[in-house]
Amino acid sequence: MVTIDEFPIAANDPEHGDEIVKLCALLSKSGRKSNVGLRLLLQSPLLEEMRSNVLRGQVRSGQVWVGRVAESL
């Protein structure tokens, strides 16, 4: 299992962001064949944050967990 916390920060990196998104999309598609999973942690699975329709579709076809934390109690 590969876990990337705060994925939008990595995906929007000016130098490596495009390559990170491309590699994550490839891993999310072909990693299942070798029992390798990809877990991306982000606030919401919006296209603007994920930067790839292919990657967003692959991630959303798996399990999506949404937890909400209130600003105040």
PDB file of N, CA and C in Angstrom:
ATOM      1  N   MET A   1       0.845  -1.173   0.000  1.00  0.00           N
ATOM      2  CA  MET A   1       0.000   0.000   0.000  1.00  0.00           C
ATOM      3  C   MET A   1       0.889   1.235   0.000  1.00  0.00           C
ATOM      4  N   VAL A   2       0.606   2.134  -0.905  1.00  0.00           N
ATOM      5  CA  VAL A   2       1.309   3.413  -0.981  1.00  0.00           C
ATOM      6  C   VAL A   2       0.336   4.488  -0.514  1.00  0.00           C
ATOM      7  N   THR A   3       0.729   5.275   0.466  1.00  0.00           N
ATOM      8  CA  THR A   3      -0.119   6.325   1.005  1.00  0.00           C
ATOM      9  C   THR A   3       0.550   7.680   0.788  1.00  0.00           C
ATOM     10  N   ILE A   4      -0.203   8.618   0.223  1.00  0.00           N
ATOM     11  CA  ILE A   4       0.289   9.981   0.043  1.00  0.00           C
ATOM     12  C   ILE A   4      -0.670  10.908   0.777  1.00  0.00           C
ATOM     13  N   ASP A   5      -0.183  11.509   1.852  1.00  0.00           N
ATOM     14  CA  ASP A   5      -0.989  12.437   2.638  1.00  0.00           C
ATOM     15  C   ASP A   5      -0.928  13.822   1.989  1.00  0.00           C
ATOM     16  N   GLU A   6      -2.031  14.562   2.061  1.00  0.00           N
ATOM     17  CA  GLU A   6      -2.128  15.900   1.467  1.00  0.00           C
ATOM     18  C   GLU A   6      -1.708  15.872  -0.009  1.00  0.00           C
ATOM     19  N   PHE A   7      -2.337  14.974  -0.754  1.00  0.00           N
ATOM     20  CA  PHE A   7      -1.997  14.769  -2.164  1.00  0.00           C
ATOM     21  C   PHE A   7      -1.995  16.048  -2.998  1.00  0.00           C
ATOM     22  N   PRO A   8      -2.932  16.992  -2.821  1.00  0.00           N
ATOM     23  CA  PRO A   8      -2.904  18.194  -3.656  1.00  0.00           C
ATOM     24  C   PRO A   8      -1.610  18.999  -3.549  1.00  0.00           C
ATOM     25  N   ILE A   9      -0.969  18.961  -2.403  1.00  0.00           N
ATOM     26  CA  ILE A   9       0.304  19.675  -2.257  1.00  0.00           C
ATOM     27  C   ILE A   9       1.344  19.068  -3.195  1.00  0.00           C
ATOM     28  N   ALA A  10       1.412  17.738  -3.225  1.00  0.00           N
ATOM     29  CA  ALA A  10       2.360  17.066  -4.119  1.00  0.00           C
ATOM     30  C   ALA A  10       1.965  17.259  -5.576  1.00  0.00           C
ATOM     31  N   ALA A  11       0.676  17.146  -5.884  1.00  0.00           N
ATOM     32  CA  ALA A  11       0.203  17.239  -7.269  1.00  0.00           C
ATOM     33  C   ALA A  11       0.394  18.637  -7.848  1.00  0.00           C
ATOM     34  N   ASN A  12       0.378  19.642  -7.020  1.00  0.00           N
ATOM     35  CA  ASN A  12       0.522  21.019  -7.497  1.00  0.00           C
ATOM     36  C   ASN A  12       1.946  21.559  -7.371  1.00  0.00           C
ATOM     37  N   ASP A  13       2.889  20.686  -7.065  1.00  0.00           N
ATOM     38  CA  ASP A  13       4.282  21.108  -7.002  1.00  0.00           C
ATOM     39  C   ASP A  13       4.707  21.590  -8.390  1.00  0.00           C
ATOM     40  N   PRO A  14       5.283  22.790  -8.487  1.00  0.00           N
ATOM     41  CA  PRO A  14       5.606  23.339  -9.808  1.00  0.00           C
ATOM     42  C   PRO A  14       6.646  22.525 -10.579  1.00  0.00           C
ATOM     43  N   GLU A  15       7.538  21.869  -9.887  1.00  0.00           N
ATOM     44  CA  GLU A  15       8.603  21.131 -10.575  1.00  0.00           C
ATOM     45  C   GLU A  15       8.240  19.670 -10.850  1.00  0.00           C
ATOM     46  N   HIS A  16       7.588  19.007  -9.891  1.00  0.00           N
ATOM     47  CA  HIS A  16       7.355  17.565 -10.014  1.00  0.00           C
ATOM     48  C   HIS A  16       5.883  17.165 -10.056  1.00  0.00           C
ATOM     49  N   GLY A  17       4.970  18.113  -9.954  1.00  0.00           N
ATOM     50  CA  GLY A  17       3.546  17.803  -9.857  1.00  0.00           C
ATOM     51  C   GLY A  17       3.001  16.975 -11.001  1.00  0.00           C
ATOM     52  N   ASP A  18       3.340  17.319 -12.247  1.00  0.00           N
ATOM     53  CA  ASP A  18       2.822  16.567 -13.397  1.00  0.00           C
ATOM     54  C   ASP A  18       3.287  15.117 -13.368  1.00  0.00           C
ATOM     55  N   GLU A  19       4.546  14.909 -13.017  1.00  0.00           N
ATOM     56  CA  GLU A  19       5.080  13.550 -12.957  1.00  0.00           C
ATOM     57  C   GLU A  19       4.448  12.754 -11.817  1.00  0.00           C
ATOM     58  N   ILE A  20       4.209  13.388 -10.682  1.00  0.00           N
ATOM     59  CA  ILE A  20       3.569  12.719  -9.555  1.00  0.00           C
ATOM     60  C   ILE A  20       2.165  12.263  -9.941  1.00  0.00           C
ATOM     61  N   VAL A  21       1.395  13.139 -10.579  1.00  0.00           N
ATOM     62  CA  VAL A  21       0.034  12.795 -10.997  1.00  0.00           C
ATOM     63  C   VAL A  21       0.066  11.647 -12.002  1.00  0.00           C
ATOM     64  N   LYS A  22       0.985  11.715 -12.971  1.00  0.00           N
ATOM     65  CA  LYS A  22       1.087  10.675 -13.997  1.00  0.00           C
ATOM     66  C   LYS A  22       1.439   9.320 -13.377  1.00  0.00           C
ATOM     67  N   LEU A  23       2.404   9.302 -12.462  1.00  0.00           N
ATOM     68  CA  LEU A  23       2.817   8.055 -11.823  1.00  0.00           C
ATOM     69  C   LEU A  23       1.720   7.489 -10.915  1.00  0.00           C
ATOM     70  N   CYS A  24       1.000   8.355 -10.223  1.00  0.00           N
ATOM     71  CA  CYS A  24      -0.100   7.888  -9.372  1.00  0.00           C
ATOM     72  C   CYS A  24      -1.224   7.301 -10.219  1.00  0.00           C
ATOM     73  N   ALA A  25      -1.517   7.910 -11.363  1.00  0.00           N
ATOM     74  CA  ALA A  25      -2.546   7.374 -12.257  1.00  0.00           C
ATOM     75  C   ALA A  25      -2.129   6.001 -12.768  1.00  0.00           C
ATOM     76  N   LEU A  26      -0.884   5.846 -13.134  1.00  0.00           N
ATOM     77  CA  LEU A  26      -0.376   4.560 -13.600  1.00  0.00           C
ATOM     78  C   LEU A  26      -0.443   3.512 -12.497  1.00  0.00           C
ATOM     79  N   LEU A  27      -0.031   3.887 -11.292  1.00  0.00           N
ATOM     80  CA  LEU A  27      -0.063   2.962 -10.162  1.00  0.00           C
ATOM     81  C   LEU A  27      -1.493   2.572  -9.803  1.00  0.00           C
ATOM     82  N   SER A  28      -2.416   3.517  -9.866  1.00  0.00           N
ATOM     83  CA  SER A  28      -3.799   3.194  -9.504  1.00  0.00           C
ATOM     84  C   SER A  28      -4.431   2.233 -10.509  1.00  0.00           C
ATOM     85  N   LYS A  29      -3.976   2.265 -11.768  1.00  0.00           N
ATOM     86  CA  LYS A  29      -4.504   1.353 -12.786  1.00  0.00           C
ATOM     87  C   LYS A  29      -3.811  -0.003 -12.766  1.00  0.00           C
ATOM     88  N   SER A  30      -2.501  -0.003 -12.774  1.00  0.00           N
ATOM     89  CA  SER A  30      -1.769  -1.259 -12.933  1.00  0.00           C
ATOM     90  C   SER A  30      -1.313  -1.888 -11.622  1.00  0.00           C
ATOM     91  N   GLY A  31      -1.370  -1.148 -10.532  1.00  0.00           N
ATOM     92  CA  GLY A  31      -0.934  -1.684  -9.246  1.00  0.00           C
ATOM     93  C   GLY A  31      -1.806  -2.816  -8.732  1.00  0.00           C
ATOM     94  N   ARG A  32      -3.068  -2.834  -9.125  1.00  0.00           N
ATOM     95  CA  ARG A  32      -3.981  -3.884  -8.669  1.00  0.00           C
ATOM     96  C   ARG A  32      -3.522  -5.265  -9.123  1.00  0.00           C
ATOM     97  N   LYS A  33      -2.891  -5.333 -10.288  1.00  0.00           N
ATOM     98  CA  LYS A  33      -2.429  -6.614 -10.831  1.00  0.00           C
ATOM     99  C   LYS A  33      -1.396  -7.273  -9.922  1.00  0.00           C
ATOM    100  N   SER A  34      -0.613  -6.465  -9.252  1.00  0.00           N
ATOM    101  CA  SER A  34       0.416  -7.000  -8.365  1.00  0.00           C
ATOM    102  C   SER A  34       0.101  -6.755  -6.897  1.00  0.00           C
ATOM    103  N   ASN A  35      -1.174  -6.492  -6.604  1.00  0.00           N
ATOM    104  CA  ASN A  35      -1.659  -6.309  -5.236  1.00  0.00           C
ATOM    105  C   ASN A  35      -1.012  -5.109  -4.535  1.00  0.00           C
ATOM    106  N   VAL A  36      -0.811  -4.038  -5.283  1.00  0.00           N
ATOM    107  CA  VAL A  36      -0.291  -2.792  -4.726  1.00  0.00           C
ATOM    108  C   VAL A  36      -1.413  -1.766  -4.774  1.00  0.00           C
ATOM    109  N   GLY A  37      -1.740  -1.193  -3.650  1.00  0.00           N
ATOM    110  CA  GLY A  37      -2.816  -0.214  -3.582  1.00  0.00           C
ATOM    111  C   GLY A  37      -2.281   1.200  -3.436  1.00  0.00           C
ATOM    112  N   LEU A  38      -3.116   2.144  -3.806  1.00  0.00           N
ATOM    113  CA  LEU A  38      -2.765   3.557  -3.689  1.00  0.00           C
ATOM    114  C   LEU A  38      -3.819   4.234  -2.829  1.00  0.00           C
ATOM    115  N   ARG A  39      -3.374   4.909  -1.787  1.00  0.00           N
ATOM    116  CA  ARG A  39      -4.279   5.634  -0.899  1.00  0.00           C
ATOM    117  C   ARG A  39      -3.862   7.096  -0.908  1.00  0.00           C
ATOM    118  N   LEU A  40      -4.754   7.939  -1.426  1.00  0.00           N
ATOM    119  CA  LEU A  40      -4.493   9.372  -1.480  1.00  0.00           C
ATOM    120  C   LEU A  40      -5.343  10.056  -0.421  1.00  0.00           C
ATOM    121  N   LEU A  41      -4.717  10.848   0.404  1.00  0.00           N
ATOM    122  CA  LEU A  41      -5.426  11.559   1.462  1.00  0.00           C
ATOM    123  C   LEU A  41      -5.529  13.023   1.065  1.00  0.00           C
ATOM    124  N   LEU A  42      -6.776  13.506   0.974  1.00  0.00           N
ATOM    125  CA  LEU A  42      -7.017  14.885   0.593  1.00  0.00           C
ATOM    126  C   LEU A  42      -8.358  15.314   1.144  1.00  0.00           C
ATOM    127  N   GLN A  43      -8.608  16.600   1.125  1.00  0.00           N
ATOM    128  CA  GLN A  43      -9.828  17.144   1.717  1.00  0.00           C
ATOM    129  C   GLN A  43     -11.072  16.748   0.937  1.00  0.00           C
ATOM    130  N   SER A  44     -11.016  16.786  -0.387  1.00  0.00           N
ATOM    131  CA  SER A  44     -12.164  16.386  -1.206  1.00  0.00           C
ATOM    132  C   SER A  44     -11.650  15.922  -2.571  1.00  0.00           C
ATOM    133  N   PRO A  45     -12.280  14.897  -3.147  1.00  0.00           N
ATOM    134  CA  PRO A  45     -11.802  14.357  -4.427  1.00  0.00           C
ATOM    135  C   PRO A  45     -12.293  15.160  -5.630  1.00  0.00           C
ATOM    136  N   LEU A  46     -12.065  16.463  -5.613  1.00  0.00           N
ATOM    137  CA  LEU A  46     -12.461  17.316  -6.731  1.00  0.00           C
ATOM    138  C   LEU A  46     -11.407  17.247  -7.826  1.00  0.00           C
ATOM    139  N   LEU A  47     -11.844  17.396  -9.059  1.00  0.00           N
ATOM    140  CA  LEU A  47     -10.919  17.352 -10.192  1.00  0.00           C
ATOM    141  C   LEU A  47      -9.842  18.424 -10.067  1.00  0.00           C
ATOM    142  N   GLU A  48     -10.207  19.598  -9.552  1.00  0.00           N
ATOM    143  CA  GLU A  48      -9.232  20.678  -9.408  1.00  0.00           C
ATOM    144  C   GLU A  48      -8.100  20.288  -8.465  1.00  0.00           C
ATOM    145  N   GLU A  49      -8.390  19.467  -7.471  1.00  0.00           N
ATOM    146  CA  GLU A  49      -7.364  19.067  -6.520  1.00  0.00           C
ATOM    147  C   GLU A  49      -6.571  17.859  -7.012  1.00  0.00           C
ATOM    148  N   MET A  50      -7.229  16.958  -7.743  1.00  0.00           N
ATOM    149  CA  MET A  50      -6.556  15.738  -8.177  1.00  0.00           C
ATOM    150  C   MET A  50      -5.807  15.918  -9.485  1.00  0.00           C
ATOM    151  N   ARG A  51      -6.230  16.904 -10.306  1.00  0.00           N
ATOM    152  CA  ARG A  51      -5.556  17.279 -11.541  1.00  0.00           C
ATOM    153  C   ARG A  51      -5.568  16.222 -12.624  1.00  0.00           C
ATOM    154  N   SER A  52      -6.304  15.130 -12.456  1.00  0.00           N
ATOM    155  CA  SER A  52      -6.362  14.093 -13.485  1.00  0.00           C
ATOM    156  C   SER A  52      -7.708  13.390 -13.405  1.00  0.00           C
ATOM    157  N   ASN A  53      -8.434  13.420 -14.504  1.00  0.00           N
ATOM    158  CA  ASN A  53      -9.723  12.741 -14.546  1.00  0.00           C
ATOM    159  C   ASN A  53      -9.550  11.234 -14.428  1.00  0.00           C
ATOM    160  N   VAL A  54      -8.490  10.701 -15.039  1.00  0.00           N
ATOM    161  CA  VAL A  54      -8.209   9.270 -14.976  1.00  0.00           C
ATOM    162  C   VAL A  54      -7.927   8.856 -13.533  1.00  0.00           C
ATOM    163  N   LEU A  55      -7.071   9.597 -12.874  1.00  0.00           N
ATOM    164  CA  LEU A  55      -6.723   9.287 -11.485  1.00  0.00           C
ATOM    165  C   LEU A  55      -7.945   9.428 -10.583  1.00  0.00           C
ATOM    166  N   ARG A  56      -8.712  10.465 -10.772  1.00  0.00           N
ATOM    167  CA  ARG A  56      -9.915  10.675  -9.960  1.00  0.00           C
ATOM    168  C   ARG A  56     -10.883   9.518 -10.139  1.00  0.00           C
ATOM    169  N   GLY A  57     -11.083   9.068 -11.359  1.00  0.00           N
ATOM    170  CA  GLY A  57     -11.978   7.938 -11.618  1.00  0.00           C
ATOM    171  C   GLY A  57     -11.489   6.658 -10.982  1.00  0.00           C
ATOM    172  N   GLN A  58     -10.186   6.407 -11.052  1.00  0.00           N
ATOM    173  CA  GLN A  58      -9.618   5.202 -10.452  1.00  0.00           C
ATOM    174  C   GLN A  58      -9.767   5.227  -8.935  1.00  0.00           C
ATOM    175  N   VAL A  59      -9.494   6.352  -8.337  1.00  0.00           N
ATOM    176  CA  VAL A  59      -9.582   6.454  -6.877  1.00  0.00           C
ATOM    177  C   VAL A  59     -11.037   6.350  -6.425  1.00  0.00           C
ATOM    178  N   ARG A  60     -11.942   6.995  -7.127  1.00  0.00           N
ATOM    179  CA  ARG A  60     -13.349   6.973  -6.733  1.00  0.00           C
ATOM    180  C   ARG A  60     -14.001   5.618  -6.990  1.00  0.00           C
ATOM    181  N   SER A  61     -13.410   4.790  -7.870  1.00  0.00           N
ATOM    182  CA  SER A  61     -13.970   3.460  -8.102  1.00  0.00           C
ATOM    183  C   SER A  61     -13.657   2.526  -6.935  1.00  0.00           C
ATOM    184  N   GLY A  62     -12.677   2.900  -6.127  1.00  0.00           N
ATOM    185  CA  GLY A  62     -12.354   2.140  -4.926  1.00  0.00           C
ATOM    186  C   GLY A  62     -13.178   2.648  -3.762  1.00  0.00           C
ATOM    187  N   GLN A  63     -12.646   2.566  -2.595  1.00  0.00           N
ATOM    188  CA  GLN A  63     -13.369   3.036  -1.422  1.00  0.00           C
ATOM    189  C   GLN A  63     -13.083   4.503  -1.188  1.00  0.00           C
ATOM    190  N   VAL A  64     -14.136   5.236  -0.873  1.00  0.00           N
ATOM    191  CA  VAL A  64     -14.005   6.648  -0.539  1.00  0.00           C
ATOM    192  C   VAL A  64     -14.541   6.825   0.874  1.00  0.00           C
ATOM    193  N   TRP A  65     -13.740   7.394   1.746  1.00  0.00           N
ATOM    194  CA  TRP A  65     -14.170   7.663   3.105  1.00  0.00           C
ATOM    195  C   TRP A  65     -14.119   9.162   3.312  1.00  0.00           C
ATOM    196  N   VAL A  66     -15.185   9.684   3.847  1.00  0.00           N
ATOM    197  CA  VAL A  66     -15.246  11.115   4.105  1.00  0.00           C
ATOM    198  C   VAL A  66     -15.494  11.317   5.585  1.00  0.00           C
ATOM    199  N   GLY A  67     -14.622  12.055   6.221  1.00  0.00           N
ATOM    200  CA  GLY A  67     -14.800  12.397   7.624  1.00  0.00           C
ATOM    201  C   GLY A  67     -14.845  13.906   7.751  1.00  0.00           C
ATOM    202  N   ARG A  68     -15.694  14.383   8.583  1.00  0.00           N
ATOM    203  CA  ARG A  68     -15.820  15.832   8.736  1.00  0.00           C
ATOM    204  C   ARG A  68     -15.467  16.218  10.158  1.00  0.00           C
ATOM    205  N   VAL A  69     -14.656  17.245  10.271  1.00  0.00           N
ATOM    206  CA  VAL A  69     -14.247  17.735  11.583  1.00  0.00           C
ATOM    207  C   VAL A  69     -14.787  19.153  11.710  1.00  0.00           C
ATOM    208  N   ALA A  70     -15.501  19.400  12.790  1.00  0.00           N
ATOM    209  CA  ALA A  70     -16.081  20.731  13.013  1.00  0.00           C
ATOM    210  C   ALA A  70     -15.000  21.703  13.458  1.00  0.00           C
ATOM    211  N   GLU A  71     -15.180  22.946  13.088  1.00  0.00           N
ATOM    212  CA  GLU A  71     -14.247  23.985  13.497  1.00  0.00           C
ATOM    213  C   GLU A  71     -14.351  24.266  14.999  1.00  0.00           C
ATOM    214  N   SER A  72     -15.551  24.147  15.517  1.00  0.00           N
ATOM    215  CA  SER A  72     -15.736  24.386  16.952  1.00  0.00           C
ATOM    216  C   SER A  72     -16.670  23.325  17.507  1.00  0.00           C
ATOM    217  N   LEU A  73     -16.623  23.133  18.803  1.00  0.00           N
ATOM    218  CA  LEU A  73     -17.472  22.125  19.442  1.00  0.00           C
ATOM    219  C   LEU A  73     -18.779  22.651  19.893  1.00  0.00           C
TER     220      LEU A  73
END
